[in-house]
PDB file of N, CA and C in Angstrom:
ATOM      1  N   MET A   1     -12.524  17.504 -28.645  1.00  0.00           N
ATOM      2  CA  MET A   1     -13.063  16.146 -28.565  1.00  0.00           C
ATOM      3  C   MET A   1     -11.993  15.184 -28.066  1.00  0.00           C
ATOM      4  N   SER A   2     -10.759  15.317 -28.548  1.00  0.00           N
ATOM      5  CA  SER A   2      -9.709  14.397 -28.136  1.00  0.00           C
ATOM      6  C   SER A   2      -9.334  14.602 -26.683  1.00  0.00           C
ATOM      7  N   ASP A   3      -9.454  15.874 -26.155  1.00  0.00           N
ATOM      8  CA  ASP A   3      -9.149  16.112 -24.755  1.00  0.00           C
ATOM      9  C   ASP A   3     -10.120  15.382 -23.843  1.00  0.00           C
ATOM     10  N   LYS A   4     -11.394  15.364 -24.210  1.00  0.00           N
ATOM     11  CA  LYS A   4     -12.378  14.637 -23.408  1.00  0.00           C
ATOM     12  C   LYS A   4     -12.113  13.140 -23.426  1.00  0.00           C
ATOM     13  N   LYS A   5     -11.683  12.630 -24.573  1.00  0.00           N
ATOM     14  CA  LYS A   5     -11.417  11.219 -24.670  1.00  0.00           C
ATOM     15  C   LYS A   5     -10.200  10.840 -23.833  1.00  0.00           C
ATOM     16  N   VAL A   6      -9.177  11.681 -23.826  1.00  0.00           N
ATOM     17  CA  VAL A   6      -7.988  11.413 -23.018  1.00  0.00           C
ATOM     18  C   VAL A   6      -8.338  11.445 -21.551  1.00  0.00           C
ATOM     19  N   SER A   7      -9.130  12.422 -21.106  1.00  0.00           N
ATOM     20  CA  SER A   7      -9.481  12.494 -19.698  1.00  0.00           C
ATOM     21  C   SER A   7     -10.382  11.352 -19.296  1.00  0.00           C
ATOM     22  N   ALA A   8     -11.270  10.903 -20.178  1.00  0.00           N
ATOM     23  CA  ALA A   8     -12.097   9.749 -19.889  1.00  0.00           C
ATOM     24  C   ALA A   8     -11.252   8.487 -19.785  1.00  0.00           C
ATOM     25  N   THR A   9     -10.266   8.366 -20.649  1.00  0.00           N
ATOM     26  CA  THR A   9      -9.368   7.216 -20.595  1.00  0.00           C
ATOM     27  C   THR A   9      -8.553   7.237 -19.301  1.00  0.00           C
ATOM     28  N   ALA A  10      -8.056   8.418 -18.950  1.00  0.00           N
ATOM     29  CA  ALA A  10      -7.279   8.536 -17.715  1.00  0.00           C
ATOM     30  C   ALA A  10      -8.136   8.210 -16.507  1.00  0.00           C
ATOM     31  N   LEU A  11      -9.395   8.651 -16.503  1.00  0.00           N
ATOM     32  CA  LEU A  11     -10.295   8.331 -15.402  1.00  0.00           C
ATOM     33  C   LEU A  11     -10.557   6.832 -15.330  1.00  0.00           C
ATOM     34  N   THR A  12     -10.775   6.216 -16.482  1.00  0.00           N
ATOM     35  CA  THR A  12     -11.003   4.772 -16.506  1.00  0.00           C
ATOM     36  C   THR A  12      -9.805   3.995 -15.985  1.00  0.00           C
ATOM     37  N   VAL A  13      -8.621   4.411 -16.413  1.00  0.00           N
ATOM     38  CA  VAL A  13      -7.401   3.734 -15.946  1.00  0.00           C
ATOM     39  C   VAL A  13      -7.216   3.955 -14.452  1.00  0.00           C
ATOM     40  N   GLY A  14      -7.457   5.182 -13.980  1.00  0.00           N
ATOM     41  CA  GLY A  14      -7.309   5.479 -12.560  1.00  0.00           C
ATOM     42  C   GLY A  14      -8.271   4.687 -11.699  1.00  0.00           C
ATOM     43  N   VAL A  15      -9.521   4.613 -12.112  1.00  0.00           N
ATOM     44  CA  VAL A  15     -10.525   3.847 -11.355  1.00  0.00           C
ATOM     45  C   VAL A  15     -10.189   2.366 -11.379  1.00  0.00           C
ATOM     46  N   SER A  16      -9.745   1.864 -12.519  1.00  0.00           N
ATOM     47  CA  SER A  16      -9.367   0.460 -12.620  1.00  0.00           C
ATOM     48  C   SER A  16      -8.192   0.129 -11.691  1.00  0.00           C
ATOM     49  N   MET A  17      -7.196   1.007 -11.701  1.00  0.00           N
ATOM     50  CA  MET A  17      -6.033   0.770 -10.832  1.00  0.00           C
ATOM     51  C   MET A  17      -6.431   0.865  -9.360  1.00  0.00           C
ATOM     52  N   GLY A  18      -7.293   1.792  -9.022  1.00  0.00           N
ATOM     53  CA  GLY A  18      -7.759   1.917  -7.646  1.00  0.00           C
ATOM     54  C   GLY A  18      -8.549   0.673  -7.204  1.00  0.00           C
ATOM     55  N   ALA A  19      -9.373   0.145  -8.093  1.00  0.00           N
ATOM     56  CA  ALA A  19     -10.141  -1.047  -7.759  1.00  0.00           C
ATOM     57  C   ALA A  19      -9.235  -2.257  -7.542  1.00  0.00           C
ATOM     58  N   VAL A  20      -8.238  -2.403  -8.402  1.00  0.00           N
ATOM     59  CA  VAL A  20      -7.300  -3.510  -8.247  1.00  0.00           C
ATOM     60  C   VAL A  20      -6.479  -3.347  -6.965  1.00  0.00           C
ATOM     61  N   TRP A  21      -6.054  -2.120  -6.677  1.00  0.00           N
ATOM     62  CA  TRP A  21      -5.291  -1.853  -5.475  1.00  0.00           C
ATOM     63  C   TRP A  21      -6.095  -2.182  -4.238  1.00  0.00           C
ATOM     64  N   PHE A  22      -7.368  -1.727  -4.209  1.00  0.00           N
ATOM     65  CA  PHE A  22      -8.221  -2.027  -3.052  1.00  0.00           C
ATOM     66  C   PHE A  22      -8.469  -3.513  -2.940  1.00  0.00           C
ATOM     67  N   ALA A  23      -8.694  -4.201  -4.058  1.00  0.00           N
ATOM     68  CA  ALA A  23      -8.967  -5.633  -4.002  1.00  0.00           C
ATOM     69  C   ALA A  23      -7.772  -6.421  -3.514  1.00  0.00           C
ATOM     70  N   THR A  24      -6.556  -6.009  -3.867  1.00  0.00           N
ATOM     71  CA  THR A  24      -5.381  -6.752  -3.401  1.00  0.00           C
ATOM     72  C   THR A  24      -5.173  -6.553  -1.906  1.00  0.00           C
ATOM     73  N   HIS A  25      -5.589  -5.424  -1.365  1.00  0.00           N
ATOM     74  CA  HIS A  25      -5.435  -5.218   0.086  1.00  0.00           C
ATOM     75  C   HIS A  25      -6.603  -5.804   0.867  1.00  0.00           C
ATOM     76  N   ALA A  26      -7.801  -5.725   0.321  1.00  0.00           N
ATOM     77  CA  ALA A  26      -8.964  -6.244   1.037  1.00  0.00           C
ATOM     78  C   ALA A  26      -9.143  -7.745   0.751  1.00  0.00           C
ATOM     79  N   GLY A  27      -9.078  -8.115  -0.518  1.00  0.00           N
ATOM     80  CA  GLY A  27      -9.134  -9.504  -0.921  1.00  0.00           C
ATOM     81  C   GLY A  27     -10.416 -10.236  -0.603  1.00  0.00           C
ATOM     82  N   ALA A  28     -10.275 -11.531  -0.465  1.00  0.00           N
ATOM     83  CA  ALA A  28     -11.446 -12.394  -0.248  1.00  0.00           C
ATOM     84  C   ALA A  28     -12.103 -12.167   1.103  1.00  0.00           C
ATOM     85  N   GLY A  29     -11.353 -11.759   2.077  1.00  0.00           N
ATOM     86  CA  GLY A  29     -11.911 -11.485   3.388  1.00  0.00           C
ATOM     87  C   GLY A  29     -12.926 -10.354   3.344  1.00  0.00           C
ATOM     88  N   PHE A  30     -12.686  -9.391   2.486  1.00  0.00           N
ATOM     89  CA  PHE A  30     -13.625  -8.278   2.350  1.00  0.00           C
ATOM     90  C   PHE A  30     -14.859  -8.737   1.577  1.00  0.00           C
ATOM     91  N   ALA A  31     -14.648  -9.568   0.569  1.00  0.00           N
ATOM     92  CA  ALA A  31     -15.774 -10.034  -0.258  1.00  0.00           C
ATOM     93  C   ALA A  31     -16.725 -10.929   0.538  1.00  0.00           C
ATOM     94  N   THR A  32     -16.193 -11.725   1.453  1.00  0.00           N
ATOM     95  CA  THR A  32     -17.045 -12.628   2.241  1.00  0.00           C
ATOM     96  C   THR A  32     -17.618 -11.953   3.474  1.00  0.00           C
ATOM     97  N   GLY A  33     -17.106 -10.797   3.831  1.00  0.00           N
ATOM     98  CA  GLY A  33     -17.584 -10.116   5.030  1.00  0.00           C
ATOM     99  C   GLY A  33     -16.767 -10.399   6.271  1.00  0.00           C
ATOM    100  N   ASN A  34     -15.831 -11.313   6.172  1.00  0.00           N
ATOM    101  CA  ASN A  34     -15.022 -11.690   7.333  1.00  0.00           C
ATOM    102  C   ASN A  34     -14.159 -10.523   7.813  1.00  0.00           C
ATOM    103  N   GLN A  35     -13.565  -9.785   6.890  1.00  0.00           N
ATOM    104  CA  GLN A  35     -12.699  -8.670   7.269  1.00  0.00           C
ATOM    105  C   GLN A  35     -13.491  -7.557   7.952  1.00  0.00           C
ATOM    106  N   GLU A  36     -14.676  -7.268   7.470  1.00  0.00           N
ATOM    107  CA  GLU A  36     -15.489  -6.237   8.089  1.00  0.00           C
ATOM    108  C   GLU A  36     -15.810  -6.587   9.526  1.00  0.00           C
ATOM    109  N   VAL A  37     -16.203  -7.845   9.739  1.00  0.00           N
ATOM    110  CA  VAL A  37     -16.596  -8.251  11.093  1.00  0.00           C
ATOM    111  C   VAL A  37     -15.403  -8.208  12.034  1.00  0.00           C
ATOM    112  N   ASN A  38     -14.246  -8.686  11.591  1.00  0.00           N
ATOM    113  CA  ASN A  38     -13.081  -8.732  12.460  1.00  0.00           C
ATOM    114  C   ASN A  38     -12.471  -7.366  12.742  1.00  0.00           C
ATOM    115  N   PHE A  39     -12.497  -6.474  11.763  1.00  0.00           N
ATOM    116  CA  PHE A  39     -11.742  -5.232  11.902  1.00  0.00           C
ATOM    117  C   PHE A  39     -12.604  -3.972  12.030  1.00  0.00           C
ATOM    118  N   PHE A  40     -13.763  -3.932  11.394  1.00  0.00           N
ATOM    119  CA  PHE A  40     -14.485  -2.669  11.342  1.00  0.00           C
ATOM    120  C   PHE A  40     -15.812  -2.651  12.108  1.00  0.00           C
ATOM    121  N   VAL A  41     -16.608  -3.706  12.043  1.00  0.00           N
ATOM    122  CA  VAL A  41     -17.952  -3.695  12.595  1.00  0.00           C
ATOM    123  C   VAL A  41     -17.951  -3.505  14.112  1.00  0.00           C
ATOM    124  N   LYS A  42     -16.928  -3.930  14.792  1.00  0.00           N
ATOM    125  CA  LYS A  42     -16.891  -3.789  16.248  1.00  0.00           C
ATOM    126  C   LYS A  42     -16.872  -2.334  16.708  1.00  0.00           C
ATOM    127  N   TYR A  43     -16.630  -1.391  15.779  1.00  0.00           N
ATOM    128  CA  TYR A  43     -16.603   0.026  16.125  1.00  0.00           C
ATOM    129  C   TYR A  43     -17.934   0.726  15.865  1.00  0.00           C
ATOM    130  N   GLY A  44     -18.971  -0.036  15.547  1.00  0.00           N
ATOM    131  CA  GLY A  44     -20.307   0.527  15.397  1.00  0.00           C
ATOM    132  C   GLY A  44     -20.492   1.316  14.119  1.00  0.00           C
ATOM    133  N   TRP A  45     -21.175   2.458  14.226  1.00  0.00           N
ATOM    134  CA  TRP A  45     -21.535   3.243  13.043  1.00  0.00           C
ATOM    135  C   TRP A  45     -20.292   3.808  12.355  1.00  0.00           C
ATOM    136  N   CYS A  46     -19.173   3.908  13.028  1.00  0.00           N
ATOM    137  CA  CYS A  46     -17.933   4.409  12.401  1.00  0.00           C
ATOM    138  C   CYS A  46     -17.421   3.438  11.350  1.00  0.00           C
ATOM    139  N   ALA A  47     -17.917   2.212  11.363  1.00  0.00           N
ATOM    140  CA  ALA A  47     -17.463   1.205  10.419  1.00  0.00           C
ATOM    141  C   ALA A  47     -17.761   1.581   8.981  1.00  0.00           C
ATOM    142  N   ILE A  48     -18.680   2.511   8.774  1.00  0.00           N
ATOM    143  CA  ILE A  48     -18.979   2.953   7.416  1.00  0.00           C
ATOM    144  C   ILE A  48     -17.774   3.687   6.821  1.00  0.00           C
ATOM    145  N   PHE A  49     -17.045   4.448   7.638  1.00  0.00           N
ATOM    146  CA  PHE A  49     -15.982   5.288   7.155  1.00  0.00           C
ATOM    147  C   PHE A  49     -14.580   4.674   7.333  1.00  0.00           C
ATOM    148  N   LEU A  50     -14.445   3.703   8.218  1.00  0.00           N
ATOM    149  CA  LEU A  50     -13.117   3.161   8.512  1.00  0.00           C
ATOM    150  C   LEU A  50     -12.397   2.530   7.329  1.00  0.00           C
ATOM    151  N   PRO A  51     -13.065   1.769   6.440  1.00  0.00           N
ATOM    152  CA  PRO A  51     -12.319   1.253   5.272  1.00  0.00           C
ATOM    153  C   PRO A  51     -11.768   2.371   4.376  1.00  0.00           C
ATOM    154  N   ILE A  52     -12.512   3.459   4.237  1.00  0.00           N
ATOM    155  CA  ILE A  52     -12.046   4.574   3.419  1.00  0.00           C
ATOM    156  C   ILE A  52     -10.851   5.250   4.092  1.00  0.00           C
ATOM    157  N   ILE A  53     -10.944   5.452   5.389  1.00  0.00           N
ATOM    158  CA  ILE A  53      -9.837   6.057   6.131  1.00  0.00           C
ATOM    159  C   ILE A  53      -8.598   5.164   6.053  1.00  0.00           C
ATOM    160  N   SER A  54      -8.798   3.866   6.172  1.00  0.00           N
ATOM    161  CA  SER A  54      -7.673   2.924   6.088  1.00  0.00           C
ATOM    162  C   SER A  54      -6.970   3.008   4.739  1.00  0.00           C
ATOM    163  N   MET A  55      -7.755   3.064   3.653  1.00  0.00           N
ATOM    164  CA  MET A  55      -7.154   3.160   2.320  1.00  0.00           C
ATOM    165  C   MET A  55      -6.469   4.501   2.104  1.00  0.00           C
ATOM    166  N   LEU A  56      -7.010   5.573   2.692  1.00  0.00           N
ATOM    167  CA  LEU A  56      -6.349   6.881   2.542  1.00  0.00           C
ATOM    168  C   LEU A  56      -5.000   6.902   3.267  1.00  0.00           C
ATOM    169  N   ILE A  57      -4.955   6.329   4.461  1.00  0.00           N
ATOM    170  CA  ILE A  57      -3.687   6.267   5.201  1.00  0.00           C
ATOM    171  C   ILE A  57      -2.681   5.392   4.449  1.00  0.00           C
ATOM    172  N   LEU A  58      -3.135   4.247   3.948  1.00  0.00           N
ATOM    173  CA  LEU A  58      -2.261   3.376   3.191  1.00  0.00           C
ATOM    174  C   LEU A  58      -1.759   4.048   1.911  1.00  0.00           C
ATOM    175  N   GLY A  59      -2.631   4.750   1.224  1.00  0.00           N
ATOM    176  CA  GLY A  59      -2.244   5.480   0.009  1.00  0.00           C
ATOM    177  C   GLY A  59      -1.251   6.583   0.322  1.00  0.00           C
ATOM    178  N   TRP A  60      -1.426   7.273   1.445  1.00  0.00           N
ATOM    179  CA  TRP A  60      -0.501   8.321   1.843  1.00  0.00           C
ATOM    180  C   TRP A  60       0.884   7.730   2.105  1.00  0.00           C
ATOM    181  N   GLY A  61       0.929   6.576   2.760  1.00  0.00           N
ATOM    182  CA  GLY A  61       2.209   5.904   2.996  1.00  0.00           C
ATOM    183  C   GLY A  61       2.885   5.474   1.714  1.00  0.00           C
ATOM    184  N   HIS A  62       2.124   4.922   0.765  1.00  0.00           N
ATOM    185  CA  HIS A  62       2.678   4.526  -0.520  1.00  0.00           C
ATOM    186  C   HIS A  62       3.167   5.736  -1.312  1.00  0.00           C
ATOM    187  N   ARG A  63       2.433   6.827  -1.239  1.00  0.00           N
ATOM    188  CA  ARG A  63       2.843   8.037  -1.940  1.00  0.00           C
ATOM    189  C   ARG A  63       4.158   8.556  -1.359  1.00  0.00           C
ATOM    190  N   ASN A  64       4.304   8.540  -0.054  1.00  0.00           N
ATOM    191  CA  ASN A  64       5.545   8.982   0.568  1.00  0.00           C
ATOM    192  C   ASN A  64       6.708   8.080   0.161  1.00  0.00           C
ATOM    193  N   ALA A  65       6.470   6.777   0.075  1.00  0.00           N
ATOM    194  CA  ALA A  65       7.534   5.870  -0.351  1.00  0.00           C
ATOM    195  C   ALA A  65       7.954   6.168  -1.782  1.00  0.00           C
ATOM    196  N   LEU A  66       7.007   6.457  -2.669  1.00  0.00           N
ATOM    197  CA  LEU A  66       7.337   6.786  -4.042  1.00  0.00           C
ATOM    198  C   LEU A  66       8.093   8.103  -4.141  1.00  0.00           C
ATOM    199  N   VAL A  67       7.726   9.079  -3.337  1.00  0.00           N
ATOM    200  CA  VAL A  67       8.435  10.372  -3.343  1.00  0.00           C
ATOM    201  C   VAL A  67       9.874  10.178  -2.867  1.00  0.00           C
ATOM    202  N   ILE A  68      10.075   9.382  -1.807  1.00  0.00           N
ATOM    203  CA  ILE A  68      11.427   9.122  -1.317  1.00  0.00           C
ATOM    204  C   ILE A  68      12.249   8.438  -2.425  1.00  0.00           C
ATOM    205  N   ALA A  69      11.670   7.457  -3.078  1.00  0.00           N
ATOM    206  CA  ALA A  69      12.380   6.745  -4.147  1.00  0.00           C
ATOM    207  C   ALA A  69      12.710   7.683  -5.305  1.00  0.00           C
ATOM    208  N   LYS A  70      11.767   8.537  -5.684  1.00  0.00           N
ATOM    209  CA  LYS A  70      12.006   9.459  -6.800  1.00  0.00           C
ATOM    210  C   LYS A  70      13.053  10.510  -6.441  1.00  0.00           C
ATOM    211  N   ASP A  71      12.939  11.096  -5.269  1.00  0.00           N
ATOM    212  CA  ASP A  71      13.860  12.169  -4.880  1.00  0.00           C
ATOM    213  C   ASP A  71      15.292  11.656  -4.704  1.00  0.00           C
ATOM    214  N   ASN A  72      15.464  10.411  -4.305  1.00  0.00           N
ATOM    215  CA  ASN A  72      16.791   9.849  -4.069  1.00  0.00           C
ATOM    216  C   ASN A  72      17.275   8.951  -5.198  1.00  0.00           C
ATOM    217  N   ASN A  73      16.505   8.917  -6.310  1.00  0.00           N
ATOM    218  CA  ASN A  73      16.868   8.107  -7.471  1.00  0.00           C
ATOM    219  C   ASN A  73      17.112   6.654  -7.049  1.00  0.00           C
ATOM    220  N   ALA A  74      16.225   6.159  -6.195  1.00  0.00           N
ATOM    221  CA  ALA A  74      16.355   4.795  -5.657  1.00  0.00           C
ATOM    222  C   ALA A  74      15.434   3.868  -6.443  1.00  0.00           C
ATOM    223  N   HIS A  75      16.035   3.134  -7.363  1.00  0.00           N
ATOM    224  CA  HIS A  75      15.239   2.255  -8.224  1.00  0.00           C
ATOM    225  C   HIS A  75      15.396   0.791  -7.840  1.00  0.00           C
ATOM    226  N   ASP A  76      16.018   0.503  -6.738  1.00  0.00           N
ATOM    227  CA  ASP A  76      16.123  -0.853  -6.251  1.00  0.00           C
ATOM    228  C   ASP A  76      15.963  -0.842  -4.729  1.00  0.00           C
ATOM    229  N   TYR A  77      15.764  -2.022  -4.172  1.00  0.00           N
ATOM    230  CA  TYR A  77      15.445  -2.115  -2.741  1.00  0.00           C
ATOM    231  C   TYR A  77      16.589  -1.616  -1.863  1.00  0.00           C
ATOM    232  N   LYS A  78      17.821  -1.939  -2.198  1.00  0.00           N
ATOM    233  CA  LYS A  78      18.970  -1.550  -1.370  1.00  0.00           C
ATOM    234  C   LYS A  78      19.121  -0.038  -1.308  1.00  0.00           C
ATOM    235  N   SER A  79      19.066   0.645  -2.447  1.00  0.00           N
ATOM    236  CA  SER A  79      19.222   2.099  -2.441  1.00  0.00           C
ATOM    237  C   SER A  79      18.010   2.759  -1.784  1.00  0.00           C
ATOM    238  N   TYR A  80      16.822   2.139  -1.896  1.00  0.00           N
ATOM    239  CA  TYR A  80      15.641   2.704  -1.219  1.00  0.00           C
ATOM    240  C   TYR A  80      15.781   2.617   0.290  1.00  0.00           C
ATOM    241  N   THR A  81      16.204   1.478   0.802  1.00  0.00           N
ATOM    242  CA  THR A  81      16.370   1.356   2.259  1.00  0.00           C
ATOM    243  C   THR A  81      17.499   2.267   2.756  1.00  0.00           C
ATOM    244  N   ASN A  82      18.548   2.438   1.950  1.00  0.00           N
ATOM    245  CA  ASN A  82      19.602   3.371   2.342  1.00  0.00           C
ATOM    246  C   ASN A  82      19.066   4.803   2.445  1.00  0.00           C
ATOM    247  N   ALA A  83      18.215   5.187   1.488  1.00  0.00           N
ATOM    248  CA  ALA A  83      17.638   6.544   1.521  1.00  0.00           C
ATOM    249  C   ALA A  83      16.640   6.675   2.685  1.00  0.00           C
ATOM    250  N   LEU A  84      15.881   5.620   2.926  1.00  0.00           N
ATOM    251  CA  LEU A  84      14.852   5.655   3.964  1.00  0.00           C
ATOM    252  C   LEU A  84      15.459   5.755   5.359  1.00  0.00           C
ATOM    253  N   PHE A  85      16.534   5.036   5.610  1.00  0.00           N
ATOM    254  CA  PHE A  85      17.102   4.964   6.933  1.00  0.00           C
ATOM    255  C   PHE A  85      18.341   5.836   7.132  1.00  0.00           C
ATOM    256  N   HIS A  86      18.639   6.710   6.186  1.00  0.00           N
ATOM    257  CA  HIS A  86      19.819   7.566   6.299  1.00  0.00           C
ATOM    258  C   HIS A  86      19.689   8.460   7.530  1.00  0.00           C
ATOM    259  N   PRO A  87      20.636   8.615   8.365  1.00  0.00           N
ATOM    260  CA  PRO A  87      22.057   8.254   8.337  1.00  0.00           C
ATOM    261  C   PRO A  87      22.379   6.940   9.048  1.00  0.00           C
ATOM    262  N   TYR A  88      21.355   6.156   9.365  1.00  0.00           N
ATOM    263  CA  TYR A  88      21.579   4.909  10.103  1.00  0.00           C
ATOM    264  C   TYR A  88      21.388   3.690   9.206  1.00  0.00           C
ATOM    265  N   GLU A  89      21.651   3.835   7.912  1.00  0.00           N
ATOM    266  CA  GLU A  89      21.367   2.735   6.982  1.00  0.00           C
ATOM    267  C   GLU A  89      22.223   1.508   7.195  1.00  0.00           C
ATOM    268  N   LYS A  90      23.418   1.681   7.765  1.00  0.00           N
ATOM    269  CA  LYS A  90      24.286   0.518   7.992  1.00  0.00           C
ATOM    270  C   LYS A  90      23.747  -0.385   9.097  1.00  0.00           C
ATOM    271  N   ILE A  91      22.950   0.159   9.992  1.00  0.00           N
ATOM    272  CA  ILE A  91      22.369  -0.620  11.079  1.00  0.00           C
ATOM    273  C   ILE A  91      20.943  -1.042  10.735  1.00  0.00           C
ATOM    274  N   LEU A  92      20.108  -0.090  10.334  1.00  0.00           N
ATOM    275  CA  LEU A  92      18.700  -0.371  10.119  1.00  0.00           C
ATOM    276  C   LEU A  92      18.393  -1.099   8.805  1.00  0.00           C
ATOM    277  N   GLY A  93      19.253  -0.918   7.785  1.00  0.00           N
ATOM    278  CA  GLY A  93      19.027  -1.619   6.514  1.00  0.00           C
ATOM    279  C   GLY A  93      19.033  -3.129   6.661  1.00  0.00           C
ATOM    280  N   PRO A  94      20.073  -3.722   7.281  1.00  0.00           N
ATOM    281  CA  PRO A  94      20.065  -5.174   7.462  1.00  0.00           C
ATOM    282  C   PRO A  94      18.929  -5.665   8.376  1.00  0.00           C
ATOM    283  N   ILE A  95      18.552  -4.870   9.362  1.00  0.00           N
ATOM    284  CA  ILE A  95      17.444  -5.260  10.243  1.00  0.00           C
ATOM    285  C   ILE A  95      16.150  -5.325   9.418  1.00  0.00           C
ATOM    286  N   ALA A  96      15.931  -4.326   8.556  1.00  0.00           N
ATOM    287  CA  ALA A  96      14.749  -4.329   7.694  1.00  0.00           C
ATOM    288  C   ALA A  96      14.778  -5.536   6.761  1.00  0.00           C
ATOM    289  N   ASP A  97      15.952  -5.866   6.235  1.00  0.00           N
ATOM    290  CA  ASP A  97      16.076  -7.049   5.360  1.00  0.00           C
ATOM    291  C   ASP A  97      15.676  -8.318   6.100  1.00  0.00           C
ATOM    292  N   LEU A  98      16.182  -8.482   7.315  1.00  0.00           N
ATOM    293  CA  LEU A  98      15.855  -9.684   8.104  1.00  0.00           C
ATOM    294  C   LEU A  98      14.364  -9.750   8.425  1.00  0.00           C
ATOM    295  N   LEU A  99      13.764  -8.646   8.786  1.00  0.00           N
ATOM    296  CA  LEU A  99      12.335  -8.635   9.097  1.00  0.00           C
ATOM    297  C   LEU A  99      11.508  -8.939   7.857  1.00  0.00           C
ATOM    298  N   PHE A 100      11.911  -8.426   6.699  1.00  0.00           N
ATOM    299  CA  PHE A 100      11.201  -8.695   5.480  1.00  0.00           C
ATOM    300  C   PHE A 100      11.311 -10.154   5.093  1.00  0.00           C
ATOM    301  N   ILE A 101      12.520 -10.722   5.218  1.00  0.00           N
ATOM    302  CA  ILE A 101      12.714 -12.134   4.888  1.00  0.00           C
ATOM    303  C   ILE A 101      11.905 -13.021   5.817  1.00  0.00           C
ATOM    304  N   GLU A 102      11.871 -12.711   7.113  1.00  0.00           N
ATOM    305  CA  GLU A 102      11.094 -13.507   8.050  1.00  0.00           C
ATOM    306  C   GLU A 102       9.609 -13.437   7.737  1.00  0.00           C
ATOM    307  N   LYS A 103       9.129 -12.228   7.407  1.00  0.00           N
ATOM    308  CA  LYS A 103       7.709 -12.083   7.061  1.00  0.00           C
ATOM    309  C   LYS A 103       7.400 -12.861   5.794  1.00  0.00           C
ATOM    310  N   TYR A 104       8.286 -12.804   4.816  1.00  0.00           N
ATOM    311  CA  TYR A 104       8.084 -13.504   3.560  1.00  0.00           C
ATOM    312  C   TYR A 104       8.069 -15.027   3.787  1.00  0.00           C
ATOM    313  N   ASP A 105       9.009 -15.521   4.590  1.00  0.00           N
ATOM    314  CA  ASP A 105       9.071 -16.946   4.884  1.00  0.00           C
ATOM    315  C   ASP A 105       7.818 -17.407   5.613  1.00  0.00           C
ATOM    316  N   ARG A 106       7.350 -16.620   6.570  1.00  0.00           N
ATOM    317  CA  ARG A 106       6.179 -16.999   7.320  1.00  0.00           C
ATOM    318  C   ARG A 106       4.940 -17.021   6.443  1.00  0.00           C
ATOM    319  N   SER A 107       4.837 -16.103   5.488  1.00  0.00           N
ATOM    320  CA  SER A 107       3.664 -16.096   4.623  1.00  0.00           C
ATOM    321  C   SER A 107       3.679 -17.255   3.627  1.00  0.00           C
ATOM    322  N   LYS A 108       4.860 -17.742   3.251  1.00  0.00           N
ATOM    323  CA  LYS A 108       4.925 -18.877   2.333  1.00  0.00           C
ATOM    324  C   LYS A 108       4.538 -20.184   3.001  1.00  0.00           C
ATOM    325  N   LYS A 109       4.689 -20.269   4.336  1.00  0.00           N
ATOM    326  CA  LYS A 109       4.343 -21.500   5.048  1.00  0.00           C
ATOM    327  C   LYS A 109       2.831 -21.680   5.157  1.00  0.00           C
ATOM    328  N   ASN A 110       2.077 -20.590   5.132  1.00  0.00           N
ATOM    329  CA  ASN A 110       0.602 -20.698   5.305  1.00  0.00           C
ATOM    330  C   ASN A 110      -0.074 -21.062   4.032  1.00  0.00           C
TER     331      ASN A 110
END
């Protein structure tokens, strides 16, 4: 009985986390239909599957980032970028920092 309850709890937590993850990426544009029209509907009947494919690709990328962080014991941004860009971390690390800062600054202005 307790095994079923644990698996039901794990399923509930997993579905909840997936819903929150999807909502943060899709957001209000998905709820109003604006995102579908701009990105998916122009491809016709394939638009039924494109949001699912998009989330699978995004999830695969996030999974790879977590594996890199776990395998290299990278628990902060600097050590993660060093592991990601090795052996060129001295060049590509600062470039990634600048691009991230520029993106962050641009998003705060809107």
